[in-house]
Amino acid sequence: MTRGIHYSAEAYLEAVRDALAAGETDALEGGVPRESVAERLDITPTSAGKRLTQLADEGLLRVVQGVDPETYHPRKSFHPTEANPTEATY
């Protein structure tokens, strides 16, 4: 696991989009779990979850409730927003 590496917001967003495209999502219309992002960025799930939550608070991701497909336990997961706020159309 990589320590001391700080990834940009775009790196996290790309990891979410890539995991989504690869079908790495929770069941019941859930989004991408923090574990998938952590694996892609070689960081801990805890670190990934904290940063993903920050990005959701900033409006760059949406938090959705899904179900872990292996354990059937509910958990928070993440989806890209419909449009990137920095690319707003007027």
C-alpha atoms as a PDB file:
ATOM      1  CA  MET A   1       0.000   0.000   0.000  1.00  0.00           C
ATOM      2  CA  THR A   2       1.261   3.453  -0.882  1.00  0.00           C
ATOM      3  CA  ARG A   3       1.761   5.799   2.049  1.00  0.00           C
ATOM      4  CA  GLY A   4       2.240   9.520   1.937  1.00  0.00           C
ATOM      5  CA  ILE A   5       0.935   9.832  -1.617  1.00  0.00           C
ATOM      6  CA  HIS A   6      -1.818  12.386  -2.062  1.00  0.00           C
ATOM      7  CA  TYR A   7      -3.928  11.901  -5.158  1.00  0.00           C
ATOM      8  CA  SER A   8      -5.780  14.718  -6.868  1.00  0.00           C
ATOM      9  CA  ALA A   9      -9.545  14.921  -6.904  1.00  0.00           C
ATOM     10  CA  GLU A  10      -9.396  14.016 -10.593  1.00  0.00           C
ATOM     11  CA  ALA A  11      -7.508  10.786  -9.775  1.00  0.00           C
ATOM     12  CA  TYR A  12     -10.311   9.765  -7.406  1.00  0.00           C
ATOM     13  CA  LEU A  13     -13.001  10.707  -9.911  1.00  0.00           C
ATOM     14  CA  GLU A  14     -11.226   8.726 -12.621  1.00  0.00           C
ATOM     15  CA  ALA A  15     -10.957   5.703 -10.302  1.00  0.00           C
ATOM     16  CA  VAL A  16     -14.718   5.911  -9.630  1.00  0.00           C
ATOM     17  CA  ARG A  17     -15.525   6.213 -13.355  1.00  0.00           C
ATOM     18  CA  ASP A  18     -13.191   3.322 -14.230  1.00  0.00           C
ATOM     19  CA  ALA A  19     -14.645   1.071 -11.520  1.00  0.00           C
ATOM     20  CA  LEU A  20     -18.160   1.961 -12.646  1.00  0.00           C
ATOM     21  CA  ALA A  21     -17.291   1.117 -16.263  1.00  0.00           C
ATOM     22  CA  ALA A  22     -15.823  -2.212 -15.093  1.00  0.00           C
ATOM     23  CA  GLY A  23     -19.031  -3.062 -13.234  1.00  0.00           C
ATOM     24  CA  GLU A  24     -17.456  -2.846  -9.775  1.00  0.00           C
ATOM     25  CA  THR A  25     -20.617  -1.605  -8.093  1.00  0.00           C
ATOM     26  CA  ASP A  26     -22.776  -2.579  -5.162  1.00  0.00           C
ATOM     27  CA  ALA A  27     -26.040  -4.423  -5.665  1.00  0.00           C
ATOM     28  CA  LEU A  28     -29.460  -2.749  -5.617  1.00  0.00           C
ATOM     29  CA  GLU A  29     -28.378   0.214  -7.723  1.00  0.00           C
ATOM     30  CA  GLY A  30     -25.436   1.012  -5.494  1.00  0.00           C
ATOM     31  CA  GLY A  31     -22.401   2.892  -6.653  1.00  0.00           C
ATOM     32  CA  VAL A  32     -18.700   2.189  -6.458  1.00  0.00           C
ATOM     33  CA  PRO A  33     -17.563   1.065  -2.995  1.00  0.00           C
ATOM     34  CA  ARG A  34     -14.535   2.658  -1.352  1.00  0.00           C
ATOM     35  CA  GLU A  35     -12.714  -0.686  -1.551  1.00  0.00           C
ATOM     36  CA  SER A  36     -12.686  -0.586  -5.356  1.00  0.00           C
ATOM     37  CA  VAL A  37     -11.218   2.920  -5.368  1.00  0.00           C
ATOM     38  CA  ALA A  38      -8.675   1.961  -2.700  1.00  0.00           C
ATOM     39  CA  GLU A  39      -7.518  -1.004  -4.751  1.00  0.00           C
ATOM     40  CA  ARG A  40      -7.153   1.096  -7.904  1.00  0.00           C
ATOM     41  CA  LEU A  41      -5.124   3.783  -6.102  1.00  0.00           C
ATOM     42  CA  ASP A  42      -3.214   1.376  -3.830  1.00  0.00           C
ATOM     43  CA  ILE A  43      -4.381   3.089  -0.631  1.00  0.00           C
ATOM     44  CA  THR A  44      -6.384   1.948   2.386  1.00  0.00           C
ATOM     45  CA  PRO A  45     -10.169   1.741   2.168  1.00  0.00           C
ATOM     46  CA  THR A  46     -10.369   4.135   5.125  1.00  0.00           C
ATOM     47  CA  SER A  47      -8.328   6.783   3.306  1.00  0.00           C
ATOM     48  CA  ALA A  48     -10.339   6.292   0.137  1.00  0.00           C
ATOM     49  CA  GLY A  49     -13.624   6.566   2.018  1.00  0.00           C
ATOM     50  CA  LYS A  50     -12.623   9.810   3.722  1.00  0.00           C
ATOM     51  CA  ARG A  51     -11.577  11.472   0.461  1.00  0.00           C
ATOM     52  CA  LEU A  52     -14.606  10.171  -1.456  1.00  0.00           C
ATOM     53  CA  THR A  53     -16.882  11.606   1.229  1.00  0.00           C
ATOM     54  CA  GLN A  54     -15.085  14.958   0.943  1.00  0.00           C
ATOM     55  CA  LEU A  55     -15.584  14.926  -2.825  1.00  0.00           C
ATOM     56  CA  ALA A  56     -19.270  14.158  -2.310  1.00  0.00           C
ATOM     57  CA  ASP A  57     -19.521  17.083   0.126  1.00  0.00           C
ATOM     58  CA  GLU A  58     -17.979  19.264  -2.607  1.00  0.00           C
ATOM     59  CA  GLY A  59     -20.613  18.076  -5.089  1.00  0.00           C
ATOM     60  CA  LEU A  60     -18.216  16.101  -7.291  1.00  0.00           C
ATOM     61  CA  LEU A  61     -19.686  12.705  -6.349  1.00  0.00           C
ATOM     62  CA  ARG A  62     -23.060  11.451  -5.159  1.00  0.00           C
ATOM     63  CA  VAL A  63     -23.394   9.174  -2.155  1.00  0.00           C
ATOM     64  CA  VAL A  64     -25.771   6.274  -2.723  1.00  0.00           C
ATOM     65  CA  GLN A  65     -26.747   3.336  -0.553  1.00  0.00           C
ATOM     66  CA  GLY A  66     -26.023  -0.056  -1.988  1.00  0.00           C
ATOM     67  CA  VAL A  67     -25.560  -3.598  -0.786  1.00  0.00           C
ATOM     68  CA  ASP A  68     -22.260  -5.459  -0.709  1.00  0.00           C
ATOM     69  CA  PRO A  69     -22.845  -8.253  -3.259  1.00  0.00           C
ATOM     70  CA  GLU A  70     -20.855 -10.750  -1.158  1.00  0.00           C
ATOM     71  CA  THR A  71     -22.268 -10.125   2.327  1.00  0.00           C
ATOM     72  CA  TYR A  72     -25.598  -8.449   1.480  1.00  0.00           C
ATOM     73  CA  HIS A  73     -24.859  -5.781   4.091  1.00  0.00           C
ATOM     74  CA  PRO A  74     -25.882  -2.220   3.224  1.00  0.00           C
ATOM     75  CA  ARG A  75     -23.091   0.280   2.735  1.00  0.00           C
ATOM     76  CA  LYS A  76     -22.353   3.718   1.379  1.00  0.00           C
ATOM     77  CA  SER A  77     -21.002   3.855  -2.154  1.00  0.00           C
ATOM     78  CA  PHE A  78     -20.292   6.566  -4.702  1.00  0.00           C
ATOM     79  CA  HIS A  79     -21.462   7.629  -8.143  1.00  0.00           C
ATOM     80  CA  PRO A  80     -20.199  10.430 -10.383  1.00  0.00           C
ATOM     81  CA  THR A  81     -22.453  13.473 -10.483  1.00  0.00           C
ATOM     82  CA  GLU A  82     -24.449  13.995 -13.654  1.00  0.00           C
ATOM     83  CA  ALA A  83     -22.288  16.923 -14.692  1.00  0.00           C
ATOM     84  CA  ASN A  84     -18.985  18.257 -13.454  1.00  0.00           C
ATOM     85  CA  PRO A  85     -19.728  21.585 -11.670  1.00  0.00           C
ATOM     86  CA  THR A  86     -16.640  23.148 -13.231  1.00  0.00           C
ATOM     87  CA  GLU A  87     -18.118  22.505 -16.679  1.00  0.00           C
ATOM     88  CA  ALA A  88     -21.431  24.267 -16.121  1.00  0.00           C
ATOM     89  CA  THR A  89     -23.263  25.481 -19.193  1.00  0.00           C
ATOM     90  CA  TYR A  90     -24.908  28.915 -19.131  1.00  0.00           C
END
